[in-house]
């Protein structure tokens, strides 16, 4: 999977699946904000959705939570997803 940002007609941006005609996630204020979020996330946003689904969590809420964290603290990297934590 590979996500990119797709500019909208009103100069905002959405996340897009680069292999298909599918958009998802929040509406960003600009394409540069969308790119900054993807960079901050340090993984493909679609992987967040997949990990949430596999973990039985609502995927939209998982991505929304990360988006809100980025808005509040763009300089602080996100915590790893539970699926990425080592199992004991």
C-alpha atoms as a PDB file:
ATOM      1  CA  UNK A   1       0.000   0.000   0.000  1.00  0.00           C
ATOM      2  CA  UNK A   2       1.113   3.516  -0.666  1.00  0.00           C
ATOM      3  CA  UNK A   3      -0.601   6.719   0.368  1.00  0.00           C
ATOM      4  CA  UNK A   4      -0.096  10.180  -1.047  1.00  0.00           C
ATOM      5  CA  UNK A   5      -1.836  13.501  -0.602  1.00  0.00           C
ATOM      6  CA  UNK A   6      -4.288  14.634  -3.225  1.00  0.00           C
ATOM      7  CA  UNK A   7      -4.969  18.381  -3.574  1.00  0.00           C
ATOM      8  CA  UNK A   8      -8.605  19.453  -3.684  1.00  0.00           C
ATOM      9  CA  UNK A   9     -10.141  22.194  -5.808  1.00  0.00           C
ATOM     10  CA  UNK A  10     -10.206  24.529  -2.792  1.00  0.00           C
ATOM     11  CA  UNK A  11      -6.443  24.086  -2.189  1.00  0.00           C
ATOM     12  CA  UNK A  12      -6.884  21.708   0.734  1.00  0.00           C
ATOM     13  CA  UNK A  13      -5.837  18.043   0.582  1.00  0.00           C
ATOM     14  CA  UNK A  14      -6.945  14.513   1.393  1.00  0.00           C
ATOM     15  CA  UNK A  15      -5.073  11.247   1.738  1.00  0.00           C
ATOM     16  CA  UNK A  16      -5.268   9.023  -1.301  1.00  0.00           C
ATOM     17  CA  UNK A  17      -4.404   5.452  -2.181  1.00  0.00           C
ATOM     18  CA  UNK A  18      -1.914   5.878  -4.994  1.00  0.00           C
ATOM     19  CA  UNK A  19      -2.891   2.556  -6.592  1.00  0.00           C
ATOM     20  CA  UNK A  20      -6.624   3.229  -6.813  1.00  0.00           C
ATOM     21  CA  UNK A  21      -9.366   5.774  -6.746  1.00  0.00           C
ATOM     22  CA  UNK A  22      -9.851   5.865  -2.984  1.00  0.00           C
ATOM     23  CA  UNK A  23      -9.514   8.764  -0.541  1.00  0.00           C
ATOM     24  CA  UNK A  24      -9.678   8.521   3.226  1.00  0.00           C
ATOM     25  CA  UNK A  25      -8.943  10.319   6.468  1.00  0.00           C
ATOM     26  CA  UNK A  26      -9.217  13.970   7.425  1.00  0.00           C
ATOM     27  CA  UNK A  27      -9.329  16.970   5.131  1.00  0.00           C
ATOM     28  CA  UNK A  28      -6.042  18.840   5.538  1.00  0.00           C
ATOM     29  CA  UNK A  29      -5.650  22.610   5.285  1.00  0.00           C
ATOM     30  CA  UNK A  30      -3.071  22.219   2.502  1.00  0.00           C
ATOM     31  CA  UNK A  31      -1.133  19.587   0.561  1.00  0.00           C
ATOM     32  CA  UNK A  32       1.940  20.456   2.631  1.00  0.00           C
ATOM     33  CA  UNK A  33       0.012  19.695   5.846  1.00  0.00           C
ATOM     34  CA  UNK A  34      -1.012  16.296   4.450  1.00  0.00           C
ATOM     35  CA  UNK A  35       2.598  15.550   3.499  1.00  0.00           C
ATOM     36  CA  UNK A  36       3.795  16.676   6.941  1.00  0.00           C
ATOM     37  CA  UNK A  37       1.263  14.352   8.613  1.00  0.00           C
ATOM     38  CA  UNK A  38       2.419  11.373   6.521  1.00  0.00           C
ATOM     39  CA  UNK A  39       6.042  12.200   7.363  1.00  0.00           C
ATOM     40  CA  UNK A  40       5.197  12.605  11.083  1.00  0.00           C
ATOM     41  CA  UNK A  41       3.299   9.320  11.084  1.00  0.00           C
ATOM     42  CA  UNK A  42       6.410   7.530   9.742  1.00  0.00           C
ATOM     43  CA  UNK A  43       4.296   4.797   8.149  1.00  0.00           C
ATOM     44  CA  UNK A  44       1.634   4.525   5.517  1.00  0.00           C
ATOM     45  CA  UNK A  45      -1.676   5.856   6.910  1.00  0.00           C
ATOM     46  CA  UNK A  46      -3.425   2.854   5.351  1.00  0.00           C
ATOM     47  CA  UNK A  47      -1.337   0.632   7.654  1.00  0.00           C
ATOM     48  CA  UNK A  48      -2.959   2.422  10.613  1.00  0.00           C
ATOM     49  CA  UNK A  49      -6.391   1.514   9.247  1.00  0.00           C
ATOM     50  CA  UNK A  50      -5.385  -2.106   8.667  1.00  0.00           C
ATOM     51  CA  UNK A  51      -3.808  -2.485  12.127  1.00  0.00           C
ATOM     52  CA  UNK A  52      -6.951  -1.075  13.739  1.00  0.00           C
ATOM     53  CA  UNK A  53      -9.180  -3.470  11.803  1.00  0.00           C
ATOM     54  CA  UNK A  54      -7.014  -6.451  12.733  1.00  0.00           C
ATOM     55  CA  UNK A  55      -7.071  -5.317  16.365  1.00  0.00           C
ATOM     56  CA  UNK A  56     -10.875  -4.947  16.380  1.00  0.00           C
ATOM     57  CA  UNK A  57     -10.768  -1.146  16.697  1.00  0.00           C
ATOM     58  CA  UNK A  58     -12.673   1.320  14.495  1.00  0.00           C
ATOM     59  CA  UNK A  59     -10.171   2.339  11.774  1.00  0.00           C
ATOM     60  CA  UNK A  60     -11.490   5.880  11.346  1.00  0.00           C
ATOM     61  CA  UNK A  61     -11.148   6.542  15.062  1.00  0.00           C
ATOM     62  CA  UNK A  62      -7.562   5.246  15.056  1.00  0.00           C
ATOM     63  CA  UNK A  63      -6.539   7.611  12.246  1.00  0.00           C
ATOM     64  CA  UNK A  64      -8.531  10.494  13.757  1.00  0.00           C
ATOM     65  CA  UNK A  65      -6.764  10.043  17.096  1.00  0.00           C
ATOM     66  CA  UNK A  66      -3.363  10.240  15.410  1.00  0.00           C
ATOM     67  CA  UNK A  67      -4.477  13.259  13.371  1.00  0.00           C
ATOM     68  CA  UNK A  68      -5.581  15.083  16.529  1.00  0.00           C
ATOM     69  CA  UNK A  69      -2.242  14.247  18.196  1.00  0.00           C
ATOM     70  CA  UNK A  70      -0.397  15.646  15.178  1.00  0.00           C
ATOM     71  CA  UNK A  71      -2.465  18.849  15.252  1.00  0.00           C
ATOM     72  CA  UNK A  72      -1.746  19.332  18.952  1.00  0.00           C
ATOM     73  CA  UNK A  73       1.945  18.350  18.907  1.00  0.00           C
ATOM     74  CA  UNK A  74       3.415  18.076  15.391  1.00  0.00           C
ATOM     75  CA  UNK A  75       6.928  17.989  16.850  1.00  0.00           C
ATOM     76  CA  UNK A  76       6.264  14.858  18.966  1.00  0.00           C
ATOM     77  CA  UNK A  77       6.361  11.555  17.047  1.00  0.00           C
ATOM     78  CA  UNK A  78       3.436   9.167  17.543  1.00  0.00           C
ATOM     79  CA  UNK A  79       3.603   6.158  19.820  1.00  0.00           C
ATOM     80  CA  UNK A  80       3.919   2.844  17.994  1.00  0.00           C
ATOM     81  CA  UNK A  81       0.686   1.110  17.180  1.00  0.00           C
ATOM     82  CA  UNK A  82      -0.205  -1.746  19.508  1.00  0.00           C
ATOM     83  CA  UNK A  83       0.280  -4.185  16.636  1.00  0.00           C
ATOM     84  CA  UNK A  84       3.900  -3.018  16.351  1.00  0.00           C
ATOM     85  CA  UNK A  85       4.776  -3.449  20.023  1.00  0.00           C
ATOM     86  CA  UNK A  86       6.780  -6.572  20.940  1.00  0.00           C
ATOM     87  CA  UNK A  87       4.695  -9.347  22.422  1.00  0.00           C
ATOM     88  CA  UNK A  88       5.675 -10.627  25.852  1.00  0.00           C
END
